[in-house]
Amino acid sequence: MNDQNILKLFKDGQRDKAFKKLYQLYPKVERLILSKGGTKQDASDVFQEALIILNRNLEKSDFKLTSSFYTYLYAVSRFIWKDTQKKFSKEELHNLNDTEVEYFHSVLEEKKYQCAERAFLELGARCRQLLQLFYHKAMSFKEIAKVMQFKSEKIAKNQKYKCLTKAKDIYRTRQSIQS
């Protein structure tokens, strides 16, 4: 099956079928990771992360796949592995072509997303609930106050600010640990 057919499966909402086709590329990525000193489990983890990055990018309206799926997944997997191993030299980063820069940017963006996700999960249940009501359900502070049994919408607003500040602090701490 060619790339256009896989792309059509994604556009038609048939992600399971598309991913099934993409898994046929796994052995090549596994060979790459094994040749770089990784294990089969490392290869599986890297490939999964590459697929997550691809999936997130395919959901963006401005994303254009400028290479084959194989080239994309192989390059992204290579960047994930090198980043995991902290083996990028300044010269190597400087010599990346435009497409490679785009792929590497996707890897870095995914790391930030995962860090934010972990920061959110570290918040208390009440903070997570409040932020979900505000950001995902787009509820007003008046509605949030009622649902969460705050005495006023002003208290709901203050709690949202405190929760967001706490999430940002956790995120920054995690970012500095990863660097």
Protein backbone atom coordinates (compact mmCIF):
# COMPACT_ATOMS: atom_id res chain seq x y z
CA MET A 1 0.00 0.00 0.00
CA ASN A 2 1.42 3.38 -0.93
CA ASP A 3 1.62 6.56 1.12
CA GLN A 4 -1.34 8.22 -0.60
CA ASN A 5 -3.59 5.32 0.36
CA ILE A 6 -2.40 5.47 3.97
CA LEU A 7 -2.97 9.23 4.01
CA LYS A 8 -6.48 8.67 2.63
CA LEU A 9 -7.18 6.17 5.43
CA PHE A 10 -6.19 8.83 7.98
CA LYS A 11 -8.36 11.47 6.31
CA ASP A 12 -11.31 9.06 6.15
CA GLY A 13 -11.01 8.37 9.89
CA GLN A 14 -9.73 4.83 9.42
CA ARG A 15 -6.75 5.31 11.74
CA ASP A 16 -6.62 1.66 12.82
CA LYS A 17 -6.14 0.49 9.24
CA ALA A 18 -3.59 3.25 8.58
CA PHE A 19 -1.57 2.36 11.67
CA LYS A 20 -1.68 -1.32 10.75
CA LYS A 21 0.00 -0.41 7.46
CA LEU A 22 2.55 1.81 9.22
CA TYR A 23 3.49 -1.02 11.60
CA GLN A 24 4.94 -2.79 8.58
CA LEU A 25 7.75 -0.20 8.84
CA TYR A 26 8.60 -1.19 12.42
CA PRO A 27 11.32 -3.78 11.58
CA LYS A 28 13.40 -1.08 9.86
CA VAL A 29 13.14 1.22 12.86
CA GLU A 30 13.94 -1.68 15.17
CA ARG A 31 17.13 -2.39 13.17
CA LEU A 32 18.10 1.28 13.50
CA ILE A 33 17.68 1.34 17.28
CA LEU A 34 19.41 -2.02 17.74
CA SER A 35 22.34 -0.81 15.60
CA LYS A 36 22.66 2.23 17.88
CA GLY A 37 22.92 0.12 21.04
CA GLY A 38 19.24 0.03 21.99
CA THR A 39 17.10 -2.94 22.93
CA LYS A 40 13.97 -4.33 21.29
CA GLN A 41 11.94 -2.61 24.04
CA ASP A 42 13.71 0.68 23.27
CA ALA A 43 12.85 0.22 19.60
CA SER A 44 9.21 -0.44 20.42
CA ASP A 45 9.03 2.63 22.68
CA VAL A 46 10.72 4.86 20.10
CA PHE A 47 8.44 3.65 17.31
CA GLN A 48 5.34 4.23 19.45
CA GLU A 49 6.50 7.77 20.21
CA ALA A 50 7.19 8.40 16.52
CA LEU A 51 3.65 7.26 15.69
CA ILE A 52 2.23 9.57 18.37
CA ILE A 53 4.15 12.48 16.88
CA LEU A 54 2.94 11.58 13.38
CA ASN A 55 -0.64 11.32 14.62
CA ARG A 56 -0.48 14.72 16.36
CA ASN A 57 0.98 16.30 13.24
CA LEU A 58 -1.64 14.75 10.97
CA GLU A 59 -4.31 16.36 13.14
CA LYS A 60 -2.87 19.83 12.44
CA SER A 61 -4.48 21.58 9.51
CA ASP A 62 -1.18 23.10 8.34
CA PHE A 63 0.86 19.86 8.42
CA LYS A 64 2.14 18.62 5.07
CA LEU A 65 3.89 15.28 4.78
CA THR A 66 6.84 16.19 2.56
CA SER A 67 8.40 12.73 2.47
CA SER A 68 7.28 9.14 2.55
CA PHE A 69 5.87 7.74 5.79
CA TYR A 70 8.96 5.53 5.98
CA THR A 71 11.34 8.48 5.72
CA TYR A 72 9.32 10.48 8.23
CA LEU A 73 9.07 7.69 10.83
CA TYR A 74 12.70 6.66 10.38
CA ALA A 75 13.98 10.22 10.79
CA VAL A 76 11.72 11.00 13.75
CA SER A 77 12.70 7.70 15.39
CA ARG A 78 16.37 8.52 14.87
CA PHE A 79 15.89 11.93 16.50
CA ILE A 80 13.93 10.46 19.40
CA TRP A 81 16.67 7.92 20.02
CA LYS A 82 19.50 10.43 19.77
CA ASP A 83 17.64 12.86 22.02
CA THR A 84 17.02 10.08 24.55
CA GLN A 85 20.73 9.29 24.52
CA LYS A 86 21.67 13.02 24.64
CA LYS A 87 24.04 12.46 21.71
CA PHE A 88 23.51 15.56 19.61
CA SER A 89 26.58 17.66 18.93
CA LYS A 90 26.22 21.36 18.15
CA GLU A 91 27.79 20.76 14.74
CA GLU A 92 25.32 17.99 13.96
CA LEU A 93 22.36 20.20 14.91
CA HIS A 94 23.77 23.04 12.84
CA ASN A 95 24.05 20.81 9.75
CA LEU A 96 20.43 19.61 9.71
CA ASN A 97 18.50 20.36 6.52
CA ASP A 98 15.08 22.04 6.63
CA THR A 99 13.13 18.78 6.65
CA GLU A 100 15.30 17.35 9.44
CA VAL A 101 14.83 20.54 11.46
CA GLU A 102 11.06 20.13 11.06
CA TYR A 103 11.24 16.50 12.24
CA PHE A 104 13.48 17.38 15.18
CA HIS A 105 11.12 20.22 16.12
CA SER A 106 8.26 17.68 16.21
CA VAL A 107 10.25 15.53 18.64
CA LEU A 108 10.96 18.50 20.92
CA GLU A 109 7.33 19.61 20.75
CA GLU A 110 6.19 16.13 21.81
CA LYS A 111 8.59 16.19 24.77
CA LYS A 112 7.05 19.48 25.91
CA TYR A 113 3.56 18.07 25.49
CA GLN A 114 4.43 14.99 27.56
CA CYS A 115 5.99 17.17 30.25
CA ALA A 116 2.85 19.33 30.42
CA GLU A 117 0.70 16.21 30.58
CA ARG A 118 2.74 14.84 33.50
CA ALA A 119 2.56 18.23 35.28
CA PHE A 120 -1.24 18.19 34.89
CA LEU A 121 -1.42 14.66 36.30
CA GLU A 122 0.65 15.71 39.32
CA LEU A 123 -1.93 18.30 40.30
CA GLY A 124 -4.51 17.37 42.89
CA ALA A 125 -7.84 15.97 41.72
CA ARG A 126 -9.68 19.25 42.49
CA CYS A 127 -7.23 21.29 40.43
CA ARG A 128 -7.45 18.87 37.52
CA GLN A 129 -11.24 18.97 37.68
CA LEU A 130 -11.34 22.77 37.80
CA LEU A 131 -8.97 23.16 34.85
CA GLN A 132 -10.88 20.57 32.81
CA LEU A 133 -14.16 22.34 33.48
CA PHE A 134 -12.68 25.67 32.43
CA TYR A 135 -10.54 24.65 29.44
CA HIS A 136 -12.20 21.53 28.06
CA LYS A 137 -15.84 22.13 28.90
CA ALA A 138 -15.56 25.92 28.53
CA MET A 139 -17.66 26.50 31.63
CA SER A 140 -18.00 29.96 33.12
CA PHE A 141 -16.66 30.68 36.60
CA LYS A 142 -20.23 30.93 37.81
CA GLU A 143 -20.96 27.39 36.54
CA ILE A 144 -17.66 26.08 37.94
CA ALA A 145 -18.43 27.60 41.36
CA LYS A 146 -21.76 25.79 41.38
CA VAL A 147 -20.37 22.42 40.23
CA MET A 148 -17.38 22.52 42.57
CA GLN A 149 -19.36 24.06 45.45
CA PHE A 150 -17.32 27.26 45.79
CA LYS A 151 -19.07 30.13 47.55
CA SER A 152 -18.62 32.49 44.60
CA GLU A 153 -17.34 32.75 41.06
CA LYS A 154 -14.50 34.94 42.37
CA ILE A 155 -13.27 32.02 44.49
CA ALA A 156 -13.48 29.76 41.42
CA LYS A 157 -11.43 32.28 39.45
CA ASN A 158 -8.80 32.54 42.21
CA GLN A 159 -8.60 28.75 42.49
CA LYS A 160 -8.12 28.44 38.73
CA TYR A 161 -5.25 30.94 38.92
CA LYS A 162 -3.62 29.00 41.80
CA CYS A 163 -4.02 25.68 39.99
CA LEU A 164 -2.58 27.08 36.79
CA THR A 165 0.36 28.60 38.67
CA LYS A 166 1.02 25.26 40.37
CA ALA A 167 0.87 23.43 37.03
CA LYS A 168 3.32 25.91 35.49
CA ASP A 169 5.71 25.49 38.43
CA ILE A 170 5.60 21.69 38.10
CA TYR A 171 6.13 22.02 34.33
CA ARG A 172 9.15 24.31 34.75
CA THR A 173 10.66 22.00 37.36
CA ARG A 174 10.23 19.00 35.07
CA GLN A 175 11.70 20.93 32.12
CA SER A 176 14.80 21.90 34.12
CA ILE A 177 15.25 18.28 35.27
CA GLN A 178 15.07 17.02 31.65
CA SER A 179 17.56 19.58 30.36
